[in-house]
C-alpha atoms as a PDB file:
ATOM      1  CA  MET A   1     -14.223   7.004 -15.530  1.00  0.00           C
ATOM      2  CA  LYS A   2     -16.735   8.782 -17.793  1.00  0.00           C
ATOM      3  CA  ILE A   3     -18.309   5.420 -18.694  1.00  0.00           C
ATOM      4  CA  LEU A   4     -18.722   4.580 -14.953  1.00  0.00           C
ATOM      5  CA  ARG A   5     -20.404   7.973 -14.300  1.00  0.00           C
ATOM      6  CA  ARG A   6     -22.797   7.396 -17.231  1.00  0.00           C
ATOM      7  CA  SER A   7     -23.679   3.921 -15.848  1.00  0.00           C
ATOM      8  CA  LEU A   8     -24.362   5.311 -12.387  1.00  0.00           C
ATOM      9  CA  LEU A   9     -26.504   8.116 -13.839  1.00  0.00           C
ATOM     10  CA  ALA A  10     -28.486   5.645 -15.946  1.00  0.00           C
ATOM     11  CA  ALA A  11     -29.095   3.441 -12.891  1.00  0.00           C
ATOM     12  CA  ALA A  12     -30.312   6.429 -10.864  1.00  0.00           C
ATOM     13  CA  LEU A  13     -32.724   7.429 -13.618  1.00  0.00           C
ATOM     14  CA  LEU A  14     -34.057   3.877 -13.957  1.00  0.00           C
ATOM     15  CA  THR A  15     -34.638   3.239 -10.237  1.00  0.00           C
ATOM     16  CA  PRO A  16     -37.840   5.343  -9.887  1.00  0.00           C
ATOM     17  CA  ALA A  17     -39.216   3.819 -13.073  1.00  0.00           C
ATOM     18  CA  LEU A  18     -38.552   0.319 -11.826  1.00  0.00           C
ATOM     19  CA  SER A  19     -40.143   1.046  -8.424  1.00  0.00           C
ATOM     20  CA  ALA A  20     -43.225   2.437 -10.162  1.00  0.00           C
ATOM     21  CA  PHE A  21     -43.768  -1.008 -11.681  1.00  0.00           C
ATOM     22  CA  ALA A  22     -43.277  -2.860  -8.378  1.00  0.00           C
ATOM     23  CA  ALA A  23     -45.933  -5.503  -7.822  1.00  0.00           C
ATOM     24  CA  PRO A  24     -48.834  -4.379  -5.634  1.00  0.00           C
ATOM     25  CA  LEU A  25     -49.150  -5.823  -2.150  1.00  0.00           C
ATOM     26  CA  VAL A  26     -51.316  -8.969  -2.204  1.00  0.00           C
ATOM     27  CA  MET A  27     -53.680  -9.742   0.679  1.00  0.00           C
ATOM     28  CA  GLY A  28     -55.578 -12.972   1.207  1.00  0.00           C
ATOM     29  CA  PHE A  29     -58.754 -12.268   3.181  1.00  0.00           C
ATOM     30  CA  SER A  30     -61.094 -14.942   4.589  1.00  0.00           C
ATOM     31  CA  GLN A  31     -64.480 -13.617   5.699  1.00  0.00           C
ATOM     32  CA  VAL A  32     -66.833 -15.433   8.106  1.00  0.00           C
ATOM     33  CA  GLY A  33     -69.782 -15.213   5.727  1.00  0.00           C
ATOM     34  CA  ALA A  34     -72.684 -12.897   4.924  1.00  0.00           C
ATOM     35  CA  GLU A  35     -74.918 -13.680   7.894  1.00  0.00           C
ATOM     36  CA  SER A  36     -75.883 -10.115   8.819  1.00  0.00           C
ATOM     37  CA  GLU A  37     -76.085  -6.458   7.767  1.00  0.00           C
ATOM     38  CA  TRP A  38     -72.929  -5.917   9.831  1.00  0.00           C
ATOM     39  CA  ARG A  39     -70.958  -8.563   7.954  1.00  0.00           C
ATOM     40  CA  THR A  40     -72.111  -7.268   4.563  1.00  0.00           C
ATOM     41  CA  ALA A  41     -70.932  -3.761   5.504  1.00  0.00           C
ATOM     42  CA  ASN A  42     -67.628  -5.152   6.801  1.00  0.00           C
ATOM     43  CA  THR A  43     -66.972  -6.985   3.511  1.00  0.00           C
ATOM     44  CA  ALA A  44     -67.840  -3.890   1.450  1.00  0.00           C
ATOM     45  CA  SER A  45     -65.444  -1.796   3.558  1.00  0.00           C
ATOM     46  CA  VAL A  46     -62.567  -4.263   3.103  1.00  0.00           C
ATOM     47  CA  LYS A  47     -63.071  -4.532  -0.661  1.00  0.00           C
ATOM     48  CA  ALA A  48     -63.409  -0.772  -1.200  1.00  0.00           C
ATOM     49  CA  ALA A  49     -60.388   0.020   0.982  1.00  0.00           C
ATOM     50  CA  ALA A  50     -58.201  -2.537  -0.822  1.00  0.00           C
ATOM     51  CA  LYS A  51     -59.061  -0.962  -4.161  1.00  0.00           C
ATOM     52  CA  GLU A  52     -58.409   2.527  -2.808  1.00  0.00           C
ATOM     53  CA  ALA A  53     -55.052   1.454  -1.335  1.00  0.00           C
ATOM     54  CA  GLY A  54     -53.918  -0.304  -4.525  1.00  0.00           C
ATOM     55  CA  ILE A  55     -53.804  -3.665  -2.746  1.00  0.00           C
ATOM     56  CA  THR A  56     -54.663  -6.848  -4.660  1.00  0.00           C
ATOM     57  CA  LEU A  57     -57.318  -8.629  -2.615  1.00  0.00           C
ATOM     58  CA  LYS A  58     -57.919 -12.374  -2.803  1.00  0.00           C
ATOM     59  CA  PHE A  59     -61.283 -12.747  -1.049  1.00  0.00           C
ATOM     60  CA  ALA A  60     -62.980 -15.920   0.240  1.00  0.00           C
ATOM     61  CA  ASP A  61     -66.381 -16.302   1.957  1.00  0.00           C
ATOM     62  CA  ALA A  62     -66.225 -19.127   4.526  1.00  0.00           C
ATOM     63  CA  GLN A  63     -70.022 -19.461   4.745  1.00  0.00           C
ATOM     64  CA  GLN A  64     -69.786 -19.822   8.551  1.00  0.00           C
ATOM     65  CA  LYS A  65     -67.546 -22.913   8.344  1.00  0.00           C
ATOM     66  CA  GLN A  66     -64.117 -23.114   9.949  1.00  0.00           C
ATOM     67  CA  GLU A  67     -62.935 -25.804   7.522  1.00  0.00           C
ATOM     68  CA  ASN A  68     -63.563 -23.376   4.637  1.00  0.00           C
ATOM     69  CA  GLN A  69     -61.396 -20.754   6.327  1.00  0.00           C
ATOM     70  CA  VAL A  70     -58.576 -23.210   6.949  1.00  0.00           C
ATOM     71  CA  LYS A  71     -58.736 -24.227   3.287  1.00  0.00           C
ATOM     72  CA  ALA A  72     -58.660 -20.556   2.188  1.00  0.00           C
ATOM     73  CA  ILE A  73     -55.675 -19.746   4.427  1.00  0.00           C
ATOM     74  CA  ARG A  74     -53.751 -22.749   3.070  1.00  0.00           C
ATOM     75  CA  SER A  75     -54.575 -21.584  -0.438  1.00  0.00           C
ATOM     76  CA  TYR A  76     -53.163 -18.125   0.362  1.00  0.00           C
ATOM     77  CA  ILE A  77     -49.999 -19.720   1.758  1.00  0.00           C
ATOM     78  CA  ALA A  78     -49.604 -21.757  -1.449  1.00  0.00           C
ATOM     79  CA  GLN A  79     -50.095 -18.591  -3.522  1.00  0.00           C
ATOM     80  CA  LYS A  80     -47.387 -16.823  -1.459  1.00  0.00           C
ATOM     81  CA  VAL A  81     -49.493 -13.746  -0.696  1.00  0.00           C
ATOM     82  CA  ASP A  82     -47.811 -10.894   1.201  1.00  0.00           C
ATOM     83  CA  VAL A  83     -50.226 -10.864   4.135  1.00  0.00           C
ATOM     84  CA  ILE A  84     -53.216 -12.891   5.349  1.00  0.00           C
ATOM     85  CA  ALA A  85     -56.185 -11.343   7.161  1.00  0.00           C
ATOM     86  CA  PHE A  86     -59.233 -13.188   8.417  1.00  0.00           C
ATOM     87  CA  SER A  87     -62.218 -12.919  10.712  1.00  0.00           C
ATOM     88  CA  PRO A  88     -62.331 -16.320  12.451  1.00  0.00           C
ATOM     89  CA  VAL A  89     -65.624 -18.207  12.658  1.00  0.00           C
ATOM     90  CA  VAL A  90     -64.699 -19.546  16.126  1.00  0.00           C
ATOM     91  CA  GLU A  91     -61.894 -18.865  18.627  1.00  0.00           C
ATOM     92  CA  SER A  92     -60.143 -22.234  18.799  1.00  0.00           C
ATOM     93  CA  GLY A  93     -58.569 -24.682  16.342  1.00  0.00           C
ATOM     94  CA  TRP A  94     -56.206 -22.316  14.499  1.00  0.00           C
ATOM     95  CA  ASP A  95     -52.755 -23.299  15.816  1.00  0.00           C
ATOM     96  CA  THR A  96     -51.822 -25.698  13.003  1.00  0.00           C
ATOM     97  CA  VAL A  97     -52.720 -23.537  10.011  1.00  0.00           C
ATOM     98  CA  LEU A  98     -51.272 -20.382  11.608  1.00  0.00           C
ATOM     99  CA  LYS A  99     -48.002 -22.247  12.232  1.00  0.00           C
ATOM    100  CA  GLU A 100     -47.987 -23.042   8.515  1.00  0.00           C
ATOM    101  CA  ALA A 101     -48.409 -19.349   7.673  1.00  0.00           C
ATOM    102  CA  LYS A 102     -45.618 -18.391  10.073  1.00  0.00           C
ATOM    103  CA  ALA A 103     -43.305 -21.048   8.608  1.00  0.00           C
ATOM    104  CA  ALA A 104     -43.980 -19.569   5.159  1.00  0.00           C
ATOM    105  CA  GLY A 105     -43.060 -16.114   6.460  1.00  0.00           C
ATOM    106  CA  ILE A 106     -46.541 -14.671   5.838  1.00  0.00           C
ATOM    107  CA  PRO A 107     -47.807 -12.285   8.546  1.00  0.00           C
ATOM    108  CA  VAL A 108     -51.396 -12.754   9.784  1.00  0.00           C
ATOM    109  CA  ILE A 109     -53.864 -10.072  10.890  1.00  0.00           C
ATOM    110  CA  LEU A 110     -57.013 -10.936  12.847  1.00  0.00           C
ATOM    111  CA  THR A 111     -59.990  -8.733  12.007  1.00  0.00           C
ATOM    112  CA  ASP A 112     -63.138  -8.293  14.088  1.00  0.00           C
ATOM    113  CA  ARG A 113     -62.763 -11.599  15.988  1.00  0.00           C
ATOM    114  CA  ALA A 114     -59.908 -12.949  18.099  1.00  0.00           C
ATOM    115  CA  VAL A 115     -58.473 -16.462  18.416  1.00  0.00           C
ATOM    116  CA  LYS A 116     -57.113 -18.583  21.276  1.00  0.00           C
ATOM    117  CA  VAL A 117     -53.698 -19.997  20.361  1.00  0.00           C
ATOM    118  CA  ALA A 118     -50.852 -21.398  22.451  1.00  0.00           C
ATOM    119  CA  ASP A 119     -48.376 -19.042  20.754  1.00  0.00           C
ATOM    120  CA  PRO A 120     -49.591 -15.415  20.328  1.00  0.00           C
ATOM    121  CA  SER A 121     -46.742 -14.763  17.858  1.00  0.00           C
ATOM    122  CA  LEU A 122     -48.712 -16.807  15.284  1.00  0.00           C
ATOM    123  CA  TYR A 123     -50.538 -13.565  14.423  1.00  0.00           C
ATOM    124  CA  VAL A 124     -49.131 -10.050  14.276  1.00  0.00           C
ATOM    125  CA  THR A 125     -52.103  -8.007  15.427  1.00  0.00           C
ATOM    126  CA  PHE A 126     -55.854  -7.906  16.035  1.00  0.00           C
ATOM    127  CA  ILE A 127     -58.065  -5.048  14.869  1.00  0.00           C
ATOM    128  CA  GLY A 128     -61.673  -4.813  15.969  1.00  0.00           C
ATOM    129  CA  SER A 129     -64.093  -4.173  18.784  1.00  0.00           C
ATOM    130  CA  ASP A 130     -63.972  -4.914  22.494  1.00  0.00           C
ATOM    131  CA  PHE A 131     -66.819  -7.452  22.646  1.00  0.00           C
ATOM    132  CA  VAL A 132     -66.681  -7.757  26.439  1.00  0.00           C
ATOM    133  CA  GLU A 133     -67.174  -4.012  26.745  1.00  0.00           C
ATOM    134  CA  GLU A 134     -70.099  -4.177  24.304  1.00  0.00           C
ATOM    135  CA  GLY A 135     -71.729  -6.765  26.577  1.00  0.00           C
ATOM    136  CA  ARG A 136     -71.057  -4.521  29.576  1.00  0.00           C
ATOM    137  CA  LYS A 137     -72.736  -1.578  27.850  1.00  0.00           C
ATOM    138  CA  ALA A 138     -75.838  -3.674  27.165  1.00  0.00           C
ATOM    139  CA  GLY A 139     -75.811  -4.844  30.799  1.00  0.00           C
ATOM    140  CA  LYS A 140     -75.547  -1.272  32.117  1.00  0.00           C
ATOM    141  CA  TRP A 141     -78.661  -0.296  30.167  1.00  0.00           C
ATOM    142  CA  VAL A 142     -80.549  -3.258  31.676  1.00  0.00           C
ATOM    143  CA  LEU A 143     -79.364  -2.291  35.181  1.00  0.00           C
ATOM    144  CA  GLU A 144     -80.656   1.256  34.654  1.00  0.00           C
ATOM    145  CA  ARG A 145     -84.001  -0.061  33.408  1.00  0.00           C
ATOM    146  CA  ALA A 146     -84.290  -2.404  36.389  1.00  0.00           C
ATOM    147  CA  ALA A 147     -83.695   0.502  38.761  1.00  0.00           C
ATOM    148  CA  LYS A 148     -86.908   2.080  37.423  1.00  0.00           C
ATOM    149  CA  ALA A 149     -88.957  -1.149  37.474  1.00  0.00           C
ATOM    150  CA  PRO A 150     -91.334  -1.966  40.361  1.00  0.00           C
ATOM    151  CA  GLY A 151     -89.381  -4.230  42.686  1.00  0.00           C
ATOM    152  CA  GLY A 152     -86.390  -4.163  40.307  1.00  0.00           C
ATOM    153  CA  ALA A 153     -86.954  -7.792  39.253  1.00  0.00           C
ATOM    154  CA  LEU A 154     -86.715  -8.533  35.517  1.00  0.00           C
ATOM    155  CA  ASN A 155     -86.628 -11.786  33.569  1.00  0.00           C
ATOM    156  CA  ILE A 156     -84.174 -11.779  30.658  1.00  0.00           C
ATOM    157  CA  VAL A 157     -83.925 -14.055  27.630  1.00  0.00           C
ATOM    158  CA  GLU A 158     -80.716 -14.115  25.604  1.00  0.00           C
ATOM    159  CA  LEU A 159     -80.097 -14.753  21.923  1.00  0.00           C
ATOM    160  CA  GLN A 160     -76.446 -15.752  21.726  1.00  0.00           C
ATOM    161  CA  GLY A 161     -74.285 -15.543  18.626  1.00  0.00           C
ATOM    162  CA  THR A 162     -72.515 -18.451  16.919  1.00  0.00           C
ATOM    163  CA  VAL A 163     -71.434 -21.044  19.501  1.00  0.00           C
ATOM    164  CA  GLY A 164     -67.697 -20.796  20.191  1.00  0.00           C
ATOM    165  CA  SER A 165     -67.262 -17.436  18.430  1.00  0.00           C
ATOM    166  CA  ALA A 166     -65.401 -14.588  20.153  1.00  0.00           C
ATOM    167  CA  PRO A 167     -68.327 -12.104  20.068  1.00  0.00           C
ATOM    168  CA  ALA A 168     -70.765 -14.657  21.506  1.00  0.00           C
ATOM    169  CA  ILE A 169     -68.407 -15.637  24.336  1.00  0.00           C
ATOM    170  CA  ASP A 170     -67.284 -12.098  25.165  1.00  0.00           C
ATOM    171  CA  ARG A 171     -70.651 -10.327  24.872  1.00  0.00           C
ATOM    172  CA  LYS A 172     -72.216 -12.880  27.220  1.00  0.00           C
ATOM    173  CA  LYS A 173     -69.308 -12.515  29.638  1.00  0.00           C
ATOM    174  CA  GLY A 174     -69.514  -8.700  29.729  1.00  0.00           C
ATOM    175  CA  PHE A 175     -73.304  -8.678  30.072  1.00  0.00           C
ATOM    176  CA  GLU A 176     -73.356 -11.172  32.943  1.00  0.00           C
ATOM    177  CA  GLU A 177     -70.472  -9.386  34.676  1.00  0.00           C
ATOM    178  CA  VAL A 178     -72.577  -6.211  34.929  1.00  0.00           C
ATOM    179  CA  ILE A 179     -76.071  -7.557  35.666  1.00  0.00           C
ATOM    180  CA  LYS A 180     -74.868  -9.676  38.608  1.00  0.00           C
ATOM    181  CA  ALA A 181     -74.843  -6.380  40.545  1.00  0.00           C
ATOM    182  CA  ASN A 182     -78.636  -6.861  40.781  1.00  0.00           C
ATOM    183  CA  ALA A 183     -79.612 -10.297  42.116  1.00  0.00           C
ATOM    184  CA  LYS A 184     -83.179  -9.754  40.873  1.00  0.00           C
ATOM    185  CA  LEU A 185     -82.036  -9.800  37.240  1.00  0.00           C
ATOM    186  CA  GLN A 186     -82.217 -13.342  35.913  1.00  0.00           C
ATOM    187  CA  ILE A 187     -81.406 -14.833  32.514  1.00  0.00           C
ATOM    188  CA  ILE A 188     -84.205 -17.399  32.337  1.00  0.00           C
ATOM    189  CA  ARG A 189     -83.419 -18.698  28.822  1.00  0.00           C
ATOM    190  CA  SER A 190     -80.328 -18.494  26.634  1.00  0.00           C
ATOM    191  CA  GLN A 191     -79.751 -20.088  23.237  1.00  0.00           C
ATOM    192  CA  SER A 192     -77.758 -19.447  20.058  1.00  0.00           C
ATOM    193  CA  GLY A 193     -79.519 -17.676  17.215  1.00  0.00           C
ATOM    194  CA  GLU A 194     -76.365 -18.015  15.065  1.00  0.00           C
ATOM    195  CA  PHE A 195     -76.273 -14.253  14.387  1.00  0.00           C
ATOM    196  CA  THR A 196     -79.040 -14.568  11.747  1.00  0.00           C
ATOM    197  CA  ARG A 197     -82.557 -13.101  11.527  1.00  0.00           C
ATOM    198  CA  ALA A 198     -84.148 -16.431  10.628  1.00  0.00           C
ATOM    199  CA  LYS A 199     -82.625 -18.292  13.572  1.00  0.00           C
ATOM    200  CA  GLY A 200     -83.253 -15.353  15.908  1.00  0.00           C
ATOM    201  CA  LYS A 201     -86.950 -15.498  15.011  1.00  0.00           C
ATOM    202  CA  GLU A 202     -87.068 -19.286  15.422  1.00  0.00           C
ATOM    203  CA  VAL A 203     -85.419 -19.273  18.867  1.00  0.00           C
ATOM    204  CA  MET A 204     -87.535 -16.359  20.101  1.00  0.00           C
ATOM    205  CA  GLU A 205     -90.650 -18.269  19.051  1.00  0.00           C
ATOM    206  CA  SER A 206     -89.542 -21.175  21.242  1.00  0.00           C
ATOM    207  CA  PHE A 207     -88.838 -18.792  24.148  1.00  0.00           C
ATOM    208  CA  LEU A 208     -92.338 -17.328  23.869  1.00  0.00           C
ATOM    209  CA  LYS A 209     -94.004 -20.746  23.883  1.00  0.00           C
ATOM    210  CA  GLN A 210     -92.487 -21.485  27.299  1.00  0.00           C
ATOM    211  CA  ARG A 211     -94.983 -19.531  29.386  1.00  0.00           C
ATOM    212  CA  ASP A 212     -93.700 -20.501  32.841  1.00  0.00           C
ATOM    213  CA  LYS A 213     -92.193 -17.044  33.371  1.00  0.00           C
ATOM    214  CA  LYS A 214     -92.954 -13.634  31.878  1.00  0.00           C
ATOM    215  CA  ILE A 215     -90.224 -12.266  29.607  1.00  0.00           C
ATOM    216  CA  ASP A 216     -89.332  -8.655  30.433  1.00  0.00           C
ATOM    217  CA  ILE A 217     -86.146  -8.128  28.418  1.00  0.00           C
ATOM    218  CA  LEU A 218     -84.477  -9.632  25.369  1.00  0.00           C
ATOM    219  CA  PHE A 219     -80.707  -9.322  25.065  1.00  0.00           C
ATOM    220  CA  ALA A 220     -79.615 -10.190  21.516  1.00  0.00           C
ATOM    221  CA  HIS A 221     -75.923 -10.546  20.647  1.00  0.00           C
ATOM    222  CA  ASN A 222     -76.566  -8.786  17.339  1.00  0.00           C
ATOM    223  CA  ASP A 223     -79.204  -6.604  15.677  1.00  0.00           C
ATOM    224  CA  ASP A 224     -80.156  -9.154  13.028  1.00  0.00           C
ATOM    225  CA  MET A 225     -81.249 -11.694  15.640  1.00  0.00           C
ATOM    226  CA  ALA A 226     -83.134  -8.915  17.451  1.00  0.00           C
ATOM    227  CA  ILE A 227     -84.954  -7.976  14.234  1.00  0.00           C
ATOM    228  CA  GLY A 228     -85.925 -11.621  13.702  1.00  0.00           C
ATOM    229  CA  ALA A 229     -87.112 -11.796  17.311  1.00  0.00           C
ATOM    230  CA  ILE A 230     -89.215  -8.649  16.840  1.00  0.00           C
ATOM    231  CA  GLN A 231     -91.167 -10.472  14.143  1.00  0.00           C
ATOM    232  CA  ALA A 232     -91.738 -13.439  16.479  1.00  0.00           C
ATOM    233  CA  ILE A 233     -92.882 -11.142  19.296  1.00  0.00           C
ATOM    234  CA  GLU A 234     -95.377  -9.381  17.008  1.00  0.00           C
ATOM    235  CA  GLU A 235     -96.705 -12.686  15.686  1.00  0.00           C
ATOM    236  CA  ALA A 236     -97.297 -13.723  19.310  1.00  0.00           C
ATOM    237  CA  GLY A 237     -99.564 -10.689  19.730  1.00  0.00           C
ATOM    238  CA  LEU A 238     -97.116  -8.690  21.856  1.00  0.00           C
ATOM    239  CA  LYS A 239     -95.514  -5.282  21.334  1.00  0.00           C
ATOM    240  CA  PRO A 240     -91.723  -5.392  20.945  1.00  0.00           C
ATOM    241  CA  GLY A 241     -90.036  -2.506  22.726  1.00  0.00           C
ATOM    242  CA  GLN A 242     -92.970  -2.243  25.145  1.00  0.00           C
ATOM    243  CA  ASP A 243     -94.173  -5.640  26.377  1.00  0.00           C
ATOM    244  CA  ILE A 244     -90.630  -6.926  25.949  1.00  0.00           C
ATOM    245  CA  ALA A 245     -87.788  -4.416  26.038  1.00  0.00           C
ATOM    246  CA  ILE A 246     -84.976  -5.213  23.591  1.00  0.00           C
ATOM    247  CA  VAL A 247     -81.259  -4.420  23.745  1.00  0.00           C
ATOM    248  CA  SER A 248     -78.958  -5.617  20.960  1.00  0.00           C
ATOM    249  CA  ILE A 249     -75.483  -5.032  19.550  1.00  0.00           C
ATOM    250  CA  ASP A 250     -74.088  -3.779  16.207  1.00  0.00           C
ATOM    251  CA  GLY A 251     -75.787  -0.475  15.385  1.00  0.00           C
ATOM    252  CA  VAL A 252     -76.823  -1.323  11.808  1.00  0.00           C
ATOM    253  CA  ARG A 253     -79.404   0.715   9.894  1.00  0.00           C
ATOM    254  CA  GLY A 254     -82.051  -1.958  10.452  1.00  0.00           C
ATOM    255  CA  ALA A 255     -81.706  -1.467  14.212  1.00  0.00           C
ATOM    256  CA  PHE A 256     -82.140   2.290  13.892  1.00  0.00           C
ATOM    257  CA  GLU A 257     -85.233   1.776  11.741  1.00  0.00           C
ATOM    258  CA  ALA A 258     -86.621  -0.604  14.397  1.00  0.00           C
ATOM    259  CA  MET A 259     -85.870   1.940  17.148  1.00  0.00           C
ATOM    260  CA  LYS A 260     -87.513   4.709  15.141  1.00  0.00           C
ATOM    261  CA  ALA A 261     -90.620   2.491  14.879  1.00  0.00           C
ATOM    262  CA  GLY A 262     -90.551   1.944  18.660  1.00  0.00           C
ATOM    263  CA  LYS A 263     -89.802  -1.791  18.370  1.00  0.00           C
ATOM    264  CA  LEU A 264     -86.199  -1.803  19.679  1.00  0.00           C
ATOM    265  CA  ASN A 265     -85.023   0.089  22.756  1.00  0.00           C
ATOM    266  CA  VAL A 266     -81.253   0.344  22.404  1.00  0.00           C
ATOM    267  CA  THR A 267     -78.360  -0.823  20.231  1.00  0.00           C
ATOM    268  CA  VAL A 268     -74.697  -0.912  21.236  1.00  0.00           C
ATOM    269  CA  GLU A 269     -72.446   0.073  18.351  1.00  0.00           C
ATOM    270  CA  CYS A 270     -69.947  -2.351  16.800  1.00  0.00           C
ATOM    271  CA  ASN A 271     -68.224  -0.598  13.892  1.00  0.00           C
ATOM    272  CA  PRO A 272     -67.724  -2.819  10.791  1.00  0.00           C
ATOM    273  CA  LEU A 273     -65.904  -0.199   8.677  1.00  0.00           C
ATOM    274  CA  LEU A 274     -62.426  -1.575   9.376  1.00  0.00           C
ATOM    275  CA  GLY A 275     -61.195  -1.624   5.772  1.00  0.00           C
ATOM    276  CA  PRO A 276     -59.035   1.536   5.660  1.00  0.00           C
ATOM    277  CA  GLN A 277     -57.305   0.740   8.976  1.00  0.00           C
ATOM    278  CA  LEU A 278     -56.743  -2.857   7.875  1.00  0.00           C
ATOM    279  CA  MET A 279     -55.064  -1.836   4.614  1.00  0.00           C
ATOM    280  CA  GLN A 280     -52.771   0.630   6.385  1.00  0.00           C
ATOM    281  CA  LEU A 281     -51.873  -2.062   8.918  1.00  0.00           C
ATOM    282  CA  ALA A 282     -51.015  -4.478   6.108  1.00  0.00           C
ATOM    283  CA  LYS A 283     -48.726  -1.901   4.476  1.00  0.00           C
ATOM    284  CA  ASP A 284     -47.009  -1.125   7.792  1.00  0.00           C
ATOM    285  CA  ILE A 285     -46.470  -4.807   8.612  1.00  0.00           C
ATOM    286  CA  VAL A 286     -45.028  -5.638   5.186  1.00  0.00           C
ATOM    287  CA  ALA A 287     -42.765  -2.577   5.543  1.00  0.00           C
ATOM    288  CA  LYS A 288     -41.589  -4.027   8.911  1.00  0.00           C
ATOM    289  CA  LYS A 289     -42.984  -1.084  10.892  1.00  0.00           C
ATOM    290  CA  PRO A 290     -43.977  -1.783  14.515  1.00  0.00           C
ATOM    291  CA  VAL A 291     -47.731  -2.145  15.194  1.00  0.00           C
ATOM    292  CA  GLU A 292     -49.792  -2.608  18.369  1.00  0.00           C
ATOM    293  CA  LYS A 293     -50.805  -6.194  19.241  1.00  0.00           C
ATOM    294  CA  ARG A 294     -54.435  -5.124  19.718  1.00  0.00           C
ATOM    295  CA  ILE A 295     -56.144  -2.177  18.019  1.00  0.00           C
ATOM    296  CA  THR A 296     -59.632  -1.394  19.342  1.00  0.00           C
ATOM    297  CA  VAL A 297     -62.121   0.878  17.585  1.00  0.00           C
ATOM    298  CA  THR A 298     -64.170   3.519  19.443  1.00  0.00           C
ATOM    299  CA  GLU A 299     -67.934   2.903  19.610  1.00  0.00           C
ATOM    300  CA  GLY A 300     -71.083   4.350  21.199  1.00  0.00           C
ATOM    301  CA  VAL A 301     -74.516   3.382  22.555  1.00  0.00           C
ATOM    302  CA  TYR A 302     -77.737   4.545  20.873  1.00  0.00           C
ATOM    303  CA  THR A 303     -81.186   4.595  22.440  1.00  0.00           C
ATOM    304  CA  ALA A 304     -84.552   4.829  20.693  1.00  0.00           C
ATOM    305  CA  ASP A 305     -84.957   8.546  21.459  1.00  0.00           C
ATOM    306  CA  VAL A 306     -81.997   9.449  19.194  1.00  0.00           C
ATOM    307  CA  ALA A 307     -82.742   6.935  16.413  1.00  0.00           C
ATOM    308  CA  ALA A 308     -84.638   9.266  14.055  1.00  0.00           C
ATOM    309  CA  LYS A 309     -81.920  11.926  14.251  1.00  0.00           C
ATOM    310  CA  GLU A 310     -79.036   9.459  13.884  1.00  0.00           C
ATOM    311  CA  LEU A 311     -80.509   7.248  11.133  1.00  0.00           C
ATOM    312  CA  PRO A 312     -79.469   9.480   8.172  1.00  0.00           C
ATOM    313  CA  ASN A 313     -75.858   9.400   9.459  1.00  0.00           C
ATOM    314  CA  ARG A 314     -75.526   5.617   9.483  1.00  0.00           C
ATOM    315  CA  LYS A 315     -73.115   4.302   6.865  1.00  0.00           C
ATOM    316  CA  TYR A 316     -74.037   0.657   7.366  1.00  0.00           C
END
C-alpha cells in the first residue's frame, strides 16, 4: 500500500513538469503577399503575436497566386500542424484543399478575406473586416459630397482590387448599393489596379487619357492604389484632392500623410492588426472551445481635416 501511495505521489509531482515541456501549438499561415502597406502590417502583426503567444508559426507568402496557397496548405497538412490560417487570394476554388484539411482533422481559420465553399464546415471561423460595410462608408461620403455639388451630378472612376478577391467584390457591392440613391452619380470607368501602387498609377493614367467625360471622384479599393493614382493625377497637371476628390479604403499611414498634404480626401479604416485575436482563436479552437463563425473588427472613417491629429496614432 505504501509503495502504491509513493507511485501516485511521484506521478502527481511529475505531471506539471511533463506539461511544462508540452510541444507548442503549431500554426501554418499562408499570406496573400506583400502588395500593400496594409498587408505588410498584417504580416508583422501575425508574426509578432505568434511569438508573444508561444505559437510556432510556419509562414508562407503566396505572392498573389492561389496555386501557391494551395501548395502551402497541402504542405501544412503533410506536416500535421495543429491549425491552418490563411488569407485567400480569391474567394472561389478552395473546396478540394479544405476537404483535405478537414479529413486530416486540422481546423482552418480564414483571416481578412472570406471564401465561397459548398460546405461552410470546411473552415471553423472567419476573422476580419466587413468589406461590404467599408464600401458603404465610402459611398456615404460620396453621397454627402454630391449633395453639396452644383446639380448633384458627379462622375466617378473606380480602382478595383484583385479580380475575384473578397474585398474587391464586397467593397464594390457596398459602394454601389449606397450611391444608387442618387441617379446623378455615375461610375464612368472601373478597372482592377490589383491593390498595388504601380498598377493603380497605370490604370489612373489610362482613365485620365480618356477625356470624353470629366472625372470628379476617384474611389479606390485600397490606399496604395489611391497613392499611385495621386501620382498619375499630378503628372497630368491636376490637383488630387481638389480637381479630383479621392476616397479610398485601409487607413494606412501613407493615406494619412496624403490627407495631411491635401491630396486625399477620406480613408475608410480596415484594421490589419489581427494577430493577437488570431492566436487566441487558434488556442481556443485547439482546446475545443466554441467560437463564433464570423468575427468582425470595429473600424472608423477618417477625413482630411483630422489627418494631422490622427497621424501620430497610426500603428500601421
